[in-house]
């Protein structure tokens, strides 16, 4: 699958948005599909380094463990460590400050499954997941 990218403008400061995104144990409260999230390791700033997600997608329950990296203060990325259903899960997120206190959030992900699925279908599923994440993030960040 080719990488799939999505962006959204959110009326919130970039730090607020990153704080929401890196509070991974709160994901089940504001993102659909997450049942439980366990932080297995953190860095010296308390940010997640290894996280195990318990998710439901397409009617199936699964778990994924990913490892986070922080190449800059305004971005993070993670890569798959272990999964029951995926062989690749590369994700990057950048949050940049815009005009008037708004921020632009751009995410890119590339996924491969352990079973065959048409490339176009997988890309469509990935785009839908990105849109769901960005819409839920916008609602969460702008609610208060």
N, C-alpha and C. Protein backbone atom coordinates (compact mmCIF):
# COMPACT_ATOMS: atom_id res chain seq x y z
N UNK A 1 0.84 -1.17 0.00
CA UNK A 1 0.00 0.00 0.00
C UNK A 1 0.88 1.24 0.00
N UNK A 2 0.50 2.23 -0.74
CA UNK A 2 1.19 3.52 -0.73
C UNK A 2 0.79 4.28 0.53
N UNK A 3 1.65 5.15 1.01
CA UNK A 3 1.27 5.96 2.18
C UNK A 3 0.03 6.79 1.88
N UNK A 4 -0.82 6.96 2.88
CA UNK A 4 -2.03 7.77 2.78
C UNK A 4 -1.89 8.93 3.76
N UNK A 5 -2.22 10.13 3.30
CA UNK A 5 -2.04 11.34 4.11
C UNK A 5 -3.36 12.09 4.25
N UNK A 6 -3.54 12.70 5.40
CA UNK A 6 -4.69 13.56 5.65
C UNK A 6 -4.28 14.74 6.50
N UNK A 7 -4.98 15.85 6.36
CA UNK A 7 -4.69 17.07 7.13
C UNK A 7 -5.99 17.72 7.58
N UNK A 8 -5.87 18.50 8.65
CA UNK A 8 -7.02 19.24 9.15
C UNK A 8 -6.50 20.47 9.90
N UNK A 9 -7.27 21.54 9.85
CA UNK A 9 -6.98 22.73 10.63
C UNK A 9 -7.83 22.67 11.89
N UNK A 10 -7.19 22.90 13.04
CA UNK A 10 -7.87 22.81 14.33
C UNK A 10 -7.66 24.12 15.07
N UNK A 11 -8.73 24.65 15.62
CA UNK A 11 -8.67 25.90 16.36
C UNK A 11 -8.18 25.63 17.78
N UNK A 12 -6.88 25.32 17.89
CA UNK A 12 -6.24 25.06 19.18
C UNK A 12 -4.74 25.19 18.98
N UNK A 13 -4.04 25.45 20.07
CA UNK A 13 -2.58 25.56 20.01
C UNK A 13 -1.96 24.19 19.74
N UNK A 14 -0.84 24.20 19.06
CA UNK A 14 -0.19 22.94 18.70
C UNK A 14 0.18 22.11 19.94
N UNK A 15 0.59 22.75 21.03
CA UNK A 15 0.94 22.00 22.24
C UNK A 15 -0.28 21.27 22.79
N UNK A 16 -1.44 21.93 22.77
CA UNK A 16 -2.67 21.30 23.24
C UNK A 16 -2.99 20.07 22.41
N UNK A 17 -2.84 20.18 21.10
CA UNK A 17 -3.13 19.06 20.21
C UNK A 17 -2.16 17.91 20.45
N UNK A 18 -0.87 18.22 20.56
CA UNK A 18 0.11 17.17 20.82
C UNK A 18 -0.13 16.50 22.17
N UNK A 19 -0.51 17.29 23.18
CA UNK A 19 -0.82 16.71 24.49
C UNK A 19 -1.96 15.71 24.38
N UNK A 20 -2.99 16.04 23.60
CA UNK A 20 -4.12 15.12 23.40
C UNK A 20 -3.64 13.86 22.69
N UNK A 21 -2.88 14.03 21.63
CA UNK A 21 -2.42 12.88 20.85
C UNK A 21 -1.49 11.96 21.63
N UNK A 22 -0.69 12.52 22.51
CA UNK A 22 0.27 11.70 23.25
C UNK A 22 -0.29 11.16 24.57
N UNK A 23 -1.51 11.55 24.92
CA UNK A 23 -2.21 10.96 26.06
C UNK A 23 -2.93 9.71 25.57
N UNK A 24 -2.13 8.72 25.19
CA UNK A 24 -2.66 7.56 24.48
C UNK A 24 -3.63 6.73 25.30
N UNK A 25 -3.51 6.73 26.62
CA UNK A 25 -4.44 5.94 27.42
C UNK A 25 -5.85 6.52 27.40
N UNK A 26 -6.00 7.77 26.96
CA UNK A 26 -7.33 8.39 26.86
C UNK A 26 -8.00 8.12 25.52
N UNK A 27 -7.31 7.49 24.58
CA UNK A 27 -7.89 7.26 23.25
C UNK A 27 -9.27 6.61 23.28
N UNK A 28 -9.50 5.58 24.11
CA UNK A 28 -10.84 4.95 24.08
C UNK A 28 -11.98 5.92 24.39
N UNK A 29 -11.69 7.01 25.09
CA UNK A 29 -12.74 7.97 25.45
C UNK A 29 -13.14 8.87 24.29
N UNK A 30 -12.27 9.04 23.28
CA UNK A 30 -12.61 9.98 22.21
C UNK A 30 -12.40 9.45 20.79
N UNK A 31 -11.85 8.25 20.66
CA UNK A 31 -11.66 7.66 19.33
C UNK A 31 -12.37 6.31 19.26
N UNK A 32 -13.13 6.11 18.22
CA UNK A 32 -13.80 4.83 18.08
C UNK A 32 -12.78 3.76 17.69
N UNK A 33 -13.08 2.53 18.07
CA UNK A 33 -12.23 1.41 17.72
C UNK A 33 -11.20 1.02 18.76
N UNK A 34 -10.90 1.92 19.70
CA UNK A 34 -9.93 1.61 20.75
C UNK A 34 -10.66 1.09 21.97
N UNK A 35 -10.31 -0.11 22.39
CA UNK A 35 -10.91 -0.67 23.61
C UNK A 35 -10.07 -0.38 24.84
N UNK A 36 -8.76 -0.47 24.68
CA UNK A 36 -7.85 -0.27 25.80
C UNK A 36 -6.48 0.04 25.23
N UNK A 37 -5.70 0.84 25.98
CA UNK A 37 -4.35 1.19 25.55
C UNK A 37 -3.43 1.04 26.76
N UNK A 38 -2.32 0.35 26.57
CA UNK A 38 -1.33 0.16 27.64
C UNK A 38 0.00 0.77 27.22
N UNK A 39 0.54 1.62 28.07
CA UNK A 39 1.88 2.16 27.83
C UNK A 39 2.88 1.18 28.44
N UNK A 40 3.79 0.68 27.62
CA UNK A 40 4.78 -0.28 28.09
C UNK A 40 6.12 0.37 28.42
N UNK A 41 6.39 1.54 27.84
CA UNK A 41 7.63 2.28 28.13
C UNK A 41 7.42 3.75 27.78
N UNK A 42 8.11 4.62 28.54
CA UNK A 42 8.07 6.06 28.27
C UNK A 42 9.49 6.60 28.23
N UNK A 43 9.62 7.80 27.65
CA UNK A 43 10.93 8.45 27.65
C UNK A 43 11.07 9.31 28.90
N UNK A 44 12.19 10.02 29.02
CA UNK A 44 12.44 10.82 30.22
C UNK A 44 11.50 12.02 30.36
N UNK A 45 10.75 12.34 29.32
CA UNK A 45 9.75 13.42 29.38
C UNK A 45 8.34 12.88 29.62
N UNK A 46 8.23 11.56 29.81
CA UNK A 46 6.93 10.95 30.06
C UNK A 46 6.13 10.62 28.82
N UNK A 47 6.73 10.82 27.64
CA UNK A 47 6.03 10.51 26.39
C UNK A 47 6.10 9.01 26.11
N UNK A 48 5.09 8.47 25.46
CA UNK A 48 5.11 7.04 25.18
C UNK A 48 6.24 6.65 24.23
N UNK A 49 6.87 5.52 24.53
CA UNK A 49 7.87 4.94 23.64
C UNK A 49 7.38 3.62 23.05
N UNK A 50 6.76 2.80 23.86
CA UNK A 50 6.16 1.56 23.37
C UNK A 50 4.75 1.47 23.94
N UNK A 51 3.78 1.24 23.03
CA UNK A 51 2.37 1.24 23.40
C UNK A 51 1.69 0.03 22.78
N UNK A 52 0.83 -0.61 23.56
CA UNK A 52 0.02 -1.71 23.04
C UNK A 52 -1.43 -1.25 23.00
N UNK A 53 -2.01 -1.33 21.79
CA UNK A 53 -3.40 -0.96 21.58
C UNK A 53 -4.24 -2.22 21.43
N UNK A 54 -5.41 -2.22 22.05
CA UNK A 54 -6.40 -3.26 21.86
C UNK A 54 -7.54 -2.60 21.10
N UNK A 55 -7.77 -3.07 19.87
CA UNK A 55 -8.69 -2.39 18.97
C UNK A 55 -9.73 -3.34 18.40
N UNK A 56 -10.79 -2.73 17.87
CA UNK A 56 -11.79 -3.45 17.10
C UNK A 56 -11.89 -2.77 15.75
N UNK A 57 -11.71 -3.53 14.69
CA UNK A 57 -11.80 -2.98 13.34
C UNK A 57 -12.43 -4.03 12.44
N UNK A 58 -13.33 -3.60 11.59
CA UNK A 58 -14.02 -4.49 10.65
C UNK A 58 -14.61 -5.70 11.38
N UNK A 59 -15.13 -5.47 12.60
CA UNK A 59 -15.75 -6.52 13.37
C UNK A 59 -14.79 -7.49 14.04
N UNK A 60 -13.51 -7.23 13.94
CA UNK A 60 -12.49 -8.11 14.52
C UNK A 60 -11.74 -7.41 15.64
N UNK A 61 -11.41 -8.16 16.68
CA UNK A 61 -10.59 -7.63 17.76
C UNK A 61 -9.15 -8.01 17.50
N UNK A 62 -8.25 -7.08 17.81
CA UNK A 62 -6.83 -7.34 17.60
C UNK A 62 -6.03 -6.45 18.55
N UNK A 63 -4.74 -6.72 18.61
CA UNK A 63 -3.85 -5.85 19.36
C UNK A 63 -2.64 -5.53 18.49
N UNK A 64 -2.10 -4.33 18.70
CA UNK A 64 -0.91 -3.87 18.00
C UNK A 64 0.01 -3.25 19.03
N UNK A 65 1.28 -3.50 18.92
CA UNK A 65 2.27 -2.80 19.73
C UNK A 65 3.13 -1.98 18.78
N UNK A 66 3.27 -0.70 19.11
CA UNK A 66 4.04 0.22 18.27
C UNK A 66 5.11 0.90 19.12
N UNK A 67 6.15 1.36 18.43
CA UNK A 67 7.23 2.08 19.10
C UNK A 67 7.31 3.50 18.54
N UNK A 68 7.26 4.47 19.45
CA UNK A 68 7.25 5.89 19.11
C UNK A 68 8.66 6.45 19.04
N UNK A 69 8.81 7.46 18.16
CA UNK A 69 10.02 8.27 18.07
C UNK A 69 9.58 9.72 17.95
N UNK A 70 10.48 10.62 18.37
CA UNK A 70 10.18 12.06 18.38
C UNK A 70 11.29 12.82 17.66
N UNK A 71 11.21 12.93 16.33
CA UNK A 71 12.28 13.59 15.58
C UNK A 71 12.32 15.11 15.78
N UNK A 72 11.23 15.71 16.27
CA UNK A 72 11.17 17.15 16.54
C UNK A 72 10.05 17.39 17.55
N UNK A 73 10.06 18.57 18.17
CA UNK A 73 9.04 18.87 19.18
C UNK A 73 7.63 18.93 18.61
N UNK A 74 7.49 19.20 17.32
CA UNK A 74 6.17 19.35 16.72
C UNK A 74 5.73 18.12 15.92
N UNK A 75 6.42 17.01 16.12
CA UNK A 75 6.05 15.81 15.37
C UNK A 75 6.47 14.54 16.12
N UNK A 76 5.77 13.48 15.77
CA UNK A 76 6.15 12.16 16.28
C UNK A 76 5.84 11.14 15.20
N UNK A 77 6.37 9.97 15.40
CA UNK A 77 6.09 8.87 14.47
C UNK A 77 6.12 7.58 15.27
N UNK A 78 5.48 6.57 14.73
CA UNK A 78 5.62 5.25 15.32
C UNK A 78 5.68 4.21 14.22
N UNK A 79 6.24 3.08 14.61
CA UNK A 79 6.38 1.94 13.71
C UNK A 79 5.90 0.70 14.45
N UNK A 80 5.45 -0.23 13.68
CA UNK A 80 4.96 -1.48 14.25
C UNK A 80 6.07 -2.25 14.94
N UNK A 81 5.77 -2.75 16.12
CA UNK A 81 6.67 -3.65 16.85
C UNK A 81 6.14 -5.08 16.77
N UNK A 82 4.81 -5.22 17.00
CA UNK A 82 4.20 -6.54 17.00
C UNK A 82 2.69 -6.38 16.75
N UNK A 83 2.11 -7.32 16.02
CA UNK A 83 0.68 -7.26 15.76
C UNK A 83 0.15 -8.63 15.38
N UNK A 84 -1.12 -8.83 15.67
CA UNK A 84 -1.79 -10.06 15.27
C UNK A 84 -2.22 -10.02 13.81
N UNK A 85 -2.43 -8.81 13.27
CA UNK A 85 -3.03 -8.70 11.94
C UNK A 85 -2.24 -7.88 10.93
N UNK A 86 -1.31 -7.05 11.38
CA UNK A 86 -0.57 -6.22 10.45
C UNK A 86 0.91 -6.62 10.40
N UNK A 87 1.50 -6.39 9.24
CA UNK A 87 2.94 -6.63 9.09
C UNK A 87 3.70 -5.31 8.98
N UNK A 88 2.95 -4.23 8.77
CA UNK A 88 3.54 -2.90 8.70
C UNK A 88 2.52 -1.89 9.18
N UNK A 89 2.97 -0.96 10.00
CA UNK A 89 2.14 0.14 10.43
C UNK A 89 3.07 1.31 10.73
N UNK A 90 3.33 2.11 9.72
CA UNK A 90 4.17 3.29 9.85
C UNK A 90 3.27 4.51 9.89
N UNK A 91 3.47 5.37 10.86
CA UNK A 91 2.60 6.52 11.08
C UNK A 91 3.46 7.72 11.44
N UNK A 92 3.19 8.87 10.84
CA UNK A 92 3.84 10.12 11.22
C UNK A 92 2.77 11.17 11.45
N UNK A 93 3.04 12.07 12.37
CA UNK A 93 2.12 13.16 12.68
C UNK A 93 2.93 14.43 12.90
N UNK A 94 2.53 15.49 12.23
CA UNK A 94 3.14 16.81 12.42
C UNK A 94 2.04 17.80 12.77
N UNK A 95 2.32 18.64 13.77
CA UNK A 95 1.37 19.66 14.21
C UNK A 95 2.10 21.00 14.12
N UNK A 96 1.66 21.85 13.22
CA UNK A 96 2.31 23.14 13.02
C UNK A 96 1.37 24.28 13.36
N UNK A 97 1.92 25.29 14.01
CA UNK A 97 1.13 26.46 14.39
C UNK A 97 0.77 27.26 13.15
N UNK A 98 -0.45 27.73 13.12
CA UNK A 98 -0.91 28.56 12.01
C UNK A 98 -1.26 29.94 12.51
N UNK A 99 -2.00 30.66 11.72
CA UNK A 99 -2.41 32.02 12.09
C UNK A 99 -3.59 31.99 13.07
N UNK A 100 -3.61 32.96 13.97
CA UNK A 100 -4.75 33.14 14.86
C UNK A 100 -4.96 32.03 15.88
N UNK A 101 -3.93 31.31 16.23
CA UNK A 101 -4.06 30.27 17.25
C UNK A 101 -4.48 28.91 16.71
N UNK A 102 -4.78 28.83 15.43
CA UNK A 102 -5.13 27.53 14.84
C UNK A 102 -3.86 26.75 14.53
N UNK A 103 -3.99 25.45 14.39
CA UNK A 103 -2.87 24.57 14.06
C UNK A 103 -3.27 23.65 12.93
N UNK A 104 -2.29 23.27 12.14
CA UNK A 104 -2.49 22.32 11.06
C UNK A 104 -1.93 20.97 11.50
N UNK A 105 -2.74 19.94 11.41
CA UNK A 105 -2.32 18.58 11.77
C UNK A 105 -2.28 17.76 10.49
N UNK A 106 -1.14 17.15 10.24
CA UNK A 106 -0.98 16.30 9.06
C UNK A 106 -0.48 14.93 9.51
N UNK A 107 -1.20 13.89 9.11
CA UNK A 107 -0.80 12.53 9.44
C UNK A 107 -0.63 11.72 8.15
N UNK A 108 0.31 10.82 8.19
CA UNK A 108 0.55 9.89 7.08
C UNK A 108 0.71 8.51 7.68
N UNK A 109 0.08 7.54 7.05
CA UNK A 109 0.26 6.17 7.51
C UNK A 109 0.36 5.22 6.33
N UNK A 110 1.08 4.14 6.59
CA UNK A 110 1.21 3.06 5.62
C UNK A 110 1.03 1.75 6.37
N UNK A 111 0.10 0.95 5.90
CA UNK A 111 -0.27 -0.29 6.58
C UNK A 111 -0.17 -1.46 5.61
N UNK A 112 0.25 -2.60 6.13
CA UNK A 112 0.20 -3.86 5.38
C UNK A 112 -0.39 -4.92 6.31
N UNK A 113 -1.25 -5.74 5.77
CA UNK A 113 -1.92 -6.79 6.55
C UNK A 113 -1.28 -8.15 6.33
N UNK A 114 -1.56 -9.07 7.24
CA UNK A 114 -1.01 -10.42 7.15
C UNK A 114 -1.76 -11.29 6.15
N UNK A 115 -2.85 -10.78 5.60
CA UNK A 115 -3.59 -11.51 4.58
C UNK A 115 -3.77 -10.60 3.37
N UNK A 116 -4.02 -11.17 2.21
CA UNK A 116 -4.17 -10.35 1.01
C UNK A 116 -5.42 -9.48 1.05
N UNK A 117 -5.25 -8.24 0.61
CA UNK A 117 -6.37 -7.32 0.47
C UNK A 117 -6.02 -6.42 -0.71
N UNK A 118 -6.96 -6.15 -1.58
CA UNK A 118 -6.65 -5.26 -2.71
C UNK A 118 -6.10 -3.92 -2.21
N UNK A 119 -5.06 -3.46 -2.90
CA UNK A 119 -4.37 -2.23 -2.52
C UNK A 119 -5.35 -1.06 -2.38
N UNK A 120 -6.23 -0.91 -3.34
CA UNK A 120 -7.19 0.20 -3.32
C UNK A 120 -8.10 0.12 -2.11
N UNK A 121 -8.54 -1.06 -1.75
CA UNK A 121 -9.41 -1.23 -0.59
C UNK A 121 -8.67 -0.87 0.70
N UNK A 122 -7.42 -1.30 0.81
CA UNK A 122 -6.62 -0.99 1.99
C UNK A 122 -6.37 0.52 2.09
N UNK A 123 -6.09 1.17 0.97
CA UNK A 123 -5.88 2.62 0.98
C UNK A 123 -7.16 3.36 1.36
N UNK A 124 -8.30 2.88 0.88
CA UNK A 124 -9.59 3.49 1.23
C UNK A 124 -9.87 3.33 2.73
N UNK A 125 -9.60 2.15 3.26
CA UNK A 125 -9.78 1.89 4.68
C UNK A 125 -8.85 2.79 5.51
N UNK A 126 -7.62 2.95 5.05
CA UNK A 126 -6.65 3.79 5.74
C UNK A 126 -7.09 5.25 5.72
N UNK A 127 -7.57 5.74 4.58
CA UNK A 127 -8.05 7.12 4.46
C UNK A 127 -9.24 7.36 5.39
N UNK A 128 -10.13 6.39 5.48
CA UNK A 128 -11.29 6.51 6.38
C UNK A 128 -10.82 6.58 7.84
N UNK A 129 -9.82 5.77 8.20
CA UNK A 129 -9.27 5.80 9.55
C UNK A 129 -8.62 7.13 9.88
N UNK A 130 -7.87 7.68 8.93
CA UNK A 130 -7.24 8.99 9.13
C UNK A 130 -8.29 10.07 9.31
N UNK A 131 -9.31 10.06 8.46
CA UNK A 131 -10.38 11.05 8.57
C UNK A 131 -11.07 10.94 9.93
N UNK A 132 -11.34 9.73 10.37
CA UNK A 132 -11.97 9.53 11.68
C UNK A 132 -11.10 10.07 12.82
N UNK A 133 -9.81 9.79 12.75
CA UNK A 133 -8.89 10.30 13.76
C UNK A 133 -8.88 11.82 13.77
N UNK A 134 -8.71 12.43 12.60
CA UNK A 134 -8.62 13.89 12.53
C UNK A 134 -9.92 14.57 12.96
N UNK A 135 -11.06 14.04 12.55
CA UNK A 135 -12.35 14.62 12.96
C UNK A 135 -12.55 14.50 14.47
N UNK A 136 -12.21 13.35 15.05
CA UNK A 136 -12.35 13.16 16.49
C UNK A 136 -11.37 14.07 17.25
N UNK A 137 -10.17 14.21 16.73
CA UNK A 137 -9.17 15.09 17.35
C UNK A 137 -9.65 16.54 17.35
N UNK A 138 -10.19 16.98 16.23
CA UNK A 138 -10.71 18.36 16.11
C UNK A 138 -11.81 18.58 17.14
N UNK A 139 -12.75 17.65 17.23
CA UNK A 139 -13.85 17.77 18.19
C UNK A 139 -13.32 17.82 19.62
N UNK A 140 -12.37 16.97 19.93
CA UNK A 140 -11.79 16.91 21.28
C UNK A 140 -11.03 18.20 21.60
N UNK A 141 -10.20 18.67 20.68
CA UNK A 141 -9.37 19.86 20.93
C UNK A 141 -10.19 21.14 21.00
N UNK A 142 -11.27 21.21 20.26
CA UNK A 142 -12.05 22.45 20.20
C UNK A 142 -13.21 22.47 21.19
N UNK A 143 -13.40 21.38 21.94
CA UNK A 143 -14.54 21.31 22.85
C UNK A 143 -14.38 22.20 24.07
N UNK A 144 -13.18 22.56 24.42
CA UNK A 144 -13.12 23.24 25.66
C UNK A 144 -12.21 24.33 25.85
